[in-house]
Amino acid sequence: MISQKVIFTKSECDSIISILKQNEIKWKSNNRKYNSYDLNINLENKWIFDRLKEFFEIETNLKINKMKELIHFHKYIIGDWFGKHNDIREGRLYAVGVLLNQNFDGGDFKLYNPDEYLLNKEIGNTYIFDVKIEHEITTILIGERYSLLWFLSPDNIKSNIKSLI
């Protein structure tokens, strides 16, 4: 499943960028080069989590019963990239992402399901995909690319399965 829709305004995206950039983690290995920051839920940023939750529930027809209280903020500068991979780890089922800016060249978000699919580069574009789908971020040629990633696991999603015991 791949779904995308603009749900954040440019002003909201600028606001998100301004509250981030704390506790920077630099990633550099044979399959990636970028910086990330963790955003933990609090009273100031709860609206971001609520907006993502609403989008996820509407687009998937699934309910979140336990809020995932951590979002990853990714910053890519010129020369940064993230090679083709999937996000199957730590019990993840779905990835919900947001593109926070568009003043960069390169940095395309490509999914392979099985054909290549390119996500919209409009500010505020929010997307959901199954973590089993391989994807990549191409090399940044000009500017900086900012995005959010929120991973959901079975613990976060309400199951409709009833116990037989």
C-alpha atoms as a PDB file:
ATOM      1  CA  MET A   1       0.000   0.000   0.000  1.00  0.00           C
ATOM      2  CA  ILE A   2       1.219   3.460  -0.891  1.00  0.00           C
ATOM      3  CA  SER A   3      -0.825   6.544  -0.117  1.00  0.00           C
ATOM      4  CA  GLN A   4       0.156  10.208  -0.289  1.00  0.00           C
ATOM      5  CA  LYS A   5      -1.598  13.529   0.329  1.00  0.00           C
ATOM      6  CA  VAL A   6      -0.546  17.064   1.321  1.00  0.00           C
ATOM      7  CA  ILE A   7      -1.748  17.511   4.927  1.00  0.00           C
ATOM      8  CA  PHE A   8       0.713  20.111   6.261  1.00  0.00           C
ATOM      9  CA  THR A   9       1.028  23.723   5.039  1.00  0.00           C
ATOM     10  CA  LYS A  10       4.367  25.353   4.235  1.00  0.00           C
ATOM     11  CA  SER A  11       4.031  27.422   7.416  1.00  0.00           C
ATOM     12  CA  GLU A  12       3.452  24.276   9.507  1.00  0.00           C
ATOM     13  CA  CYS A  13       6.439  22.556   7.863  1.00  0.00           C
ATOM     14  CA  ASP A  14       8.648  25.580   8.603  1.00  0.00           C
ATOM     15  CA  SER A  15       7.459  25.421  12.218  1.00  0.00           C
ATOM     16  CA  ILE A  16       8.356  21.714  12.452  1.00  0.00           C
ATOM     17  CA  ILE A  17      11.843  22.355  11.040  1.00  0.00           C
ATOM     18  CA  SER A  18      12.416  25.151  13.554  1.00  0.00           C
ATOM     19  CA  ILE A  19      11.628  22.962  16.607  1.00  0.00           C
ATOM     20  CA  LEU A  20      13.881  20.139  15.531  1.00  0.00           C
ATOM     21  CA  LYS A  21      17.605  19.636  15.119  1.00  0.00           C
ATOM     22  CA  GLN A  22      18.239  18.486  18.680  1.00  0.00           C
ATOM     23  CA  ASN A  23      20.339  15.431  19.552  1.00  0.00           C
ATOM     24  CA  GLU A  24      21.725  15.029  16.055  1.00  0.00           C
ATOM     25  CA  ILE A  25      22.757  11.561  14.910  1.00  0.00           C
ATOM     26  CA  LYS A  26      25.102  11.422  11.907  1.00  0.00           C
ATOM     27  CA  TRP A  27      24.655   8.368   9.692  1.00  0.00           C
ATOM     28  CA  LYS A  28      27.444   7.436   7.321  1.00  0.00           C
ATOM     29  CA  SER A  29      27.998   3.928   6.032  1.00  0.00           C
ATOM     30  CA  ASN A  30      28.123   2.052   2.763  1.00  0.00           C
ATOM     31  CA  ASN A  31      24.352   2.473   2.212  1.00  0.00           C
ATOM     32  CA  ARG A  32      23.547   5.921   3.672  1.00  0.00           C
ATOM     33  CA  LYS A  33      24.750   9.406   4.516  1.00  0.00           C
ATOM     34  CA  TYR A  34      22.444  11.853   6.314  1.00  0.00           C
ATOM     35  CA  ASN A  35      21.701  13.337   9.741  1.00  0.00           C
ATOM     36  CA  SER A  36      18.701  12.497  11.906  1.00  0.00           C
ATOM     37  CA  TYR A  37      17.112  13.751  15.082  1.00  0.00           C
ATOM     38  CA  ASP A  38      14.506  12.187  17.349  1.00  0.00           C
ATOM     39  CA  LEU A  39      11.325  14.096  18.122  1.00  0.00           C
ATOM     40  CA  ASN A  40       9.555  12.857  21.249  1.00  0.00           C
ATOM     41  CA  ILE A  41       5.945  13.826  21.834  1.00  0.00           C
ATOM     42  CA  ASN A  42       5.255  16.749  24.172  1.00  0.00           C
ATOM     43  CA  LEU A  43       2.588  19.446  24.567  1.00  0.00           C
ATOM     44  CA  GLU A  44       4.224  21.716  21.959  1.00  0.00           C
ATOM     45  CA  ASN A  45       4.432  19.134  19.175  1.00  0.00           C
ATOM     46  CA  LYS A  46       1.483  16.823  19.941  1.00  0.00           C
ATOM     47  CA  TRP A  47      -0.409  18.408  17.033  1.00  0.00           C
ATOM     48  CA  ILE A  48       2.078  16.822  14.607  1.00  0.00           C
ATOM     49  CA  PHE A  49       1.452  13.342  16.031  1.00  0.00           C
ATOM     50  CA  ASP A  50      -2.326  13.943  16.056  1.00  0.00           C
ATOM     51  CA  ARG A  51      -2.303  15.018  12.390  1.00  0.00           C
ATOM     52  CA  LEU A  52      -0.285  11.939  11.380  1.00  0.00           C
ATOM     53  CA  LYS A  53      -2.570   9.682  13.415  1.00  0.00           C
ATOM     54  CA  GLU A  54      -5.685  11.112  11.734  1.00  0.00           C
ATOM     55  CA  PHE A  55      -4.143  10.761   8.261  1.00  0.00           C
ATOM     56  CA  PHE A  56      -3.091   7.177   8.942  1.00  0.00           C
ATOM     57  CA  GLU A  57      -6.505   6.157  10.278  1.00  0.00           C
ATOM     58  CA  ILE A  58      -8.396   7.731   7.368  1.00  0.00           C
ATOM     59  CA  GLU A  59      -6.107   6.362   4.651  1.00  0.00           C
ATOM     60  CA  THR A  60      -5.776   2.816   6.020  1.00  0.00           C
ATOM     61  CA  ASN A  61      -9.106   2.350   7.813  1.00  0.00           C
ATOM     62  CA  LEU A  62      -7.063   1.110  10.799  1.00  0.00           C
ATOM     63  CA  LYS A  63      -7.209   2.609  14.291  1.00  0.00           C
ATOM     64  CA  ILE A  64      -4.235   3.559  16.415  1.00  0.00           C
ATOM     65  CA  ASN A  65      -4.796   2.413  19.978  1.00  0.00           C
ATOM     66  CA  LYS A  66      -1.403   3.441  21.392  1.00  0.00           C
ATOM     67  CA  MET A  67       0.340   6.550  20.107  1.00  0.00           C
ATOM     68  CA  LYS A  68       3.901   5.993  18.892  1.00  0.00           C
ATOM     69  CA  GLU A  69       5.648   8.799  20.772  1.00  0.00           C
ATOM     70  CA  LEU A  70       8.769   9.145  18.614  1.00  0.00           C
ATOM     71  CA  ILE A  71       9.215  10.612  15.138  1.00  0.00           C
ATOM     72  CA  HIS A  72      12.519  10.682  13.259  1.00  0.00           C
ATOM     73  CA  PHE A  73      13.517  13.963  11.576  1.00  0.00           C
ATOM     74  CA  HIS A  74      15.898  13.480   8.644  1.00  0.00           C
ATOM     75  CA  LYS A  75      18.173  16.165   7.229  1.00  0.00           C
ATOM     76  CA  TYR A  76      19.985  15.574   3.941  1.00  0.00           C
ATOM     77  CA  ILE A  77      22.575  18.074   2.688  1.00  0.00           C
ATOM     78  CA  ILE A  78      24.471  18.165  -0.609  1.00  0.00           C
ATOM     79  CA  GLY A  79      25.992  14.739  -1.254  1.00  0.00           C
ATOM     80  CA  ASP A  80      23.747  12.919   1.252  1.00  0.00           C
ATOM     81  CA  TRP A  81      21.619   9.935   0.243  1.00  0.00           C
ATOM     82  CA  PHE A  82      20.018   6.730   1.541  1.00  0.00           C
ATOM     83  CA  GLY A  83      20.446   3.627  -0.605  1.00  0.00           C
ATOM     84  CA  LYS A  84      17.763   1.154  -1.573  1.00  0.00           C
ATOM     85  CA  HIS A  85      16.478  -0.665   1.533  1.00  0.00           C
ATOM     86  CA  ASN A  86      13.379  -1.676   3.457  1.00  0.00           C
ATOM     87  CA  ASP A  87      12.449  -0.823   7.045  1.00  0.00           C
ATOM     88  CA  ILE A  88      11.645  -4.315   8.328  1.00  0.00           C
ATOM     89  CA  ARG A  89      13.054  -4.188  11.871  1.00  0.00           C
ATOM     90  CA  GLU A  90      11.968  -3.421  15.408  1.00  0.00           C
ATOM     91  CA  GLY A  91       8.502  -4.852  14.700  1.00  0.00           C
ATOM     92  CA  ARG A  92       7.597  -2.088  12.246  1.00  0.00           C
ATOM     93  CA  LEU A  93       4.561  -2.491   9.950  1.00  0.00           C
ATOM     94  CA  TYR A  94       4.022   0.938   8.381  1.00  0.00           C
ATOM     95  CA  ALA A  95       6.033   4.073   7.750  1.00  0.00           C
ATOM     96  CA  VAL A  96       4.330   7.471   7.708  1.00  0.00           C
ATOM     97  CA  GLY A  97       6.461  10.267   6.324  1.00  0.00           C
ATOM     98  CA  VAL A  98       6.250  13.987   5.605  1.00  0.00           C
ATOM     99  CA  LEU A  99       8.308  16.073   3.183  1.00  0.00           C
ATOM    100  CA  LEU A 100       8.942  19.390   4.966  1.00  0.00           C
ATOM    101  CA  ASN A 101      10.511  21.449   2.178  1.00  0.00           C
ATOM    102  CA  GLN A 102      11.090  21.486  -1.557  1.00  0.00           C
ATOM    103  CA  ASN A 103      14.014  23.868  -2.086  1.00  0.00           C
ATOM    104  CA  PHE A 104      16.479  21.171  -3.119  1.00  0.00           C
ATOM    105  CA  ASP A 105      17.453  19.220  -6.227  1.00  0.00           C
ATOM    106  CA  GLY A 106      17.933  15.481  -6.196  1.00  0.00           C
ATOM    107  CA  GLY A 107      16.672  13.819  -3.032  1.00  0.00           C
ATOM    108  CA  ASP A 108      13.947  11.912  -4.849  1.00  0.00           C
ATOM    109  CA  PHE A 109      12.020   9.414  -2.732  1.00  0.00           C
ATOM    110  CA  LYS A 110      11.685   6.285  -4.863  1.00  0.00           C
ATOM    111  CA  LEU A 111       9.670   3.214  -3.885  1.00  0.00           C
ATOM    112  CA  TYR A 112       9.879  -0.145  -5.661  1.00  0.00           C
ATOM    113  CA  ASN A 113       6.565  -2.002  -5.471  1.00  0.00           C
ATOM    114  CA  PRO A 114       7.662  -3.819  -7.705  1.00  0.00           C
ATOM    115  CA  ASP A 115       7.882  -0.993 -10.268  1.00  0.00           C
ATOM    116  CA  GLU A 116       9.633   2.274  -9.459  1.00  0.00           C
ATOM    117  CA  TYR A 117       7.275   4.862  -7.952  1.00  0.00           C
ATOM    118  CA  LEU A 118       8.355   8.463  -7.305  1.00  0.00           C
ATOM    119  CA  LEU A 119       6.711  10.395  -4.457  1.00  0.00           C
ATOM    120  CA  ASN A 120       5.443  13.936  -4.907  1.00  0.00           C
ATOM    121  CA  LYS A 121       7.974  16.611  -3.804  1.00  0.00           C
ATOM    122  CA  GLU A 122       5.338  19.146  -2.685  1.00  0.00           C
ATOM    123  CA  ILE A 123       5.841  20.710   0.756  1.00  0.00           C
ATOM    124  CA  GLY A 124       3.695  18.917   3.333  1.00  0.00           C
ATOM    125  CA  ASN A 125       3.231  15.793   1.229  1.00  0.00           C
ATOM    126  CA  THR A 126       2.495  13.018   3.694  1.00  0.00           C
ATOM    127  CA  TYR A 127       2.704   9.374   2.739  1.00  0.00           C
ATOM    128  CA  ILE A 128       2.173   5.871   4.121  1.00  0.00           C
ATOM    129  CA  PHE A 129       3.832   2.713   2.929  1.00  0.00           C
ATOM    130  CA  ASP A 130       4.350  -0.845   4.083  1.00  0.00           C
ATOM    131  CA  VAL A 131       7.869  -1.196   5.531  1.00  0.00           C
ATOM    132  CA  LYS A 132       8.447  -4.260   3.329  1.00  0.00           C
ATOM    133  CA  ILE A 133       8.547  -2.027   0.240  1.00  0.00           C
ATOM    134  CA  GLU A 134      12.104  -1.222  -0.828  1.00  0.00           C
ATOM    135  CA  HIS A 135      12.819   2.488  -1.187  1.00  0.00           C
ATOM    136  CA  GLU A 136      15.634   5.027  -1.408  1.00  0.00           C
ATOM    137  CA  ILE A 137      16.471   8.732  -1.264  1.00  0.00           C
ATOM    138  CA  THR A 138      18.650   9.792  -4.194  1.00  0.00           C
ATOM    139  CA  THR A 139      21.708  12.032  -3.726  1.00  0.00           C
ATOM    140  CA  ILE A 140      21.058  15.675  -2.837  1.00  0.00           C
ATOM    141  CA  LEU A 141      22.520  17.863  -5.588  1.00  0.00           C
ATOM    142  CA  ILE A 142      21.505  21.344  -4.378  1.00  0.00           C
ATOM    143  CA  GLY A 143      20.065  22.578  -1.076  1.00  0.00           C
ATOM    144  CA  GLU A 144      18.860  20.593   1.928  1.00  0.00           C
ATOM    145  CA  ARG A 145      16.010  18.077   2.243  1.00  0.00           C
ATOM    146  CA  TYR A 146      13.987  17.778   5.471  1.00  0.00           C
ATOM    147  CA  SER A 147      11.503  15.023   6.265  1.00  0.00           C
ATOM    148  CA  LEU A 148       9.782  13.185   9.100  1.00  0.00           C
ATOM    149  CA  LEU A 149       9.371   9.430   9.489  1.00  0.00           C
ATOM    150  CA  TRP A 150       6.966   7.843  11.963  1.00  0.00           C
ATOM    151  CA  PHE A 151       7.074   4.048  12.219  1.00  0.00           C
ATOM    152  CA  LEU A 152       4.076   2.098  13.492  1.00  0.00           C
ATOM    153  CA  SER A 153       4.187  -1.438  14.878  1.00  0.00           C
ATOM    154  CA  PRO A 154       1.462  -3.939  15.866  1.00  0.00           C
ATOM    155  CA  ASP A 155       1.529  -2.469  19.397  1.00  0.00           C
ATOM    156  CA  ASN A 156       0.294   0.848  17.988  1.00  0.00           C
ATOM    157  CA  ILE A 157      -2.517  -0.506  15.828  1.00  0.00           C
ATOM    158  CA  LYS A 158      -5.833  -1.768  17.138  1.00  0.00           C
ATOM    159  CA  SER A 159      -6.434  -5.331  16.026  1.00  0.00           C
ATOM    160  CA  ASN A 160      -9.871  -6.522  14.979  1.00  0.00           C
ATOM    161  CA  ILE A 161      -8.978 -10.098  15.863  1.00  0.00           C
ATOM    162  CA  LYS A 162     -11.007 -11.503  18.732  1.00  0.00           C
ATOM    163  CA  SER A 163      -9.632 -14.092  21.076  1.00  0.00           C
ATOM    164  CA  LEU A 164     -11.240 -17.523  20.934  1.00  0.00           C
ATOM    165  CA  ILE A 165     -10.336 -18.262  24.546  1.00  0.00           C
END
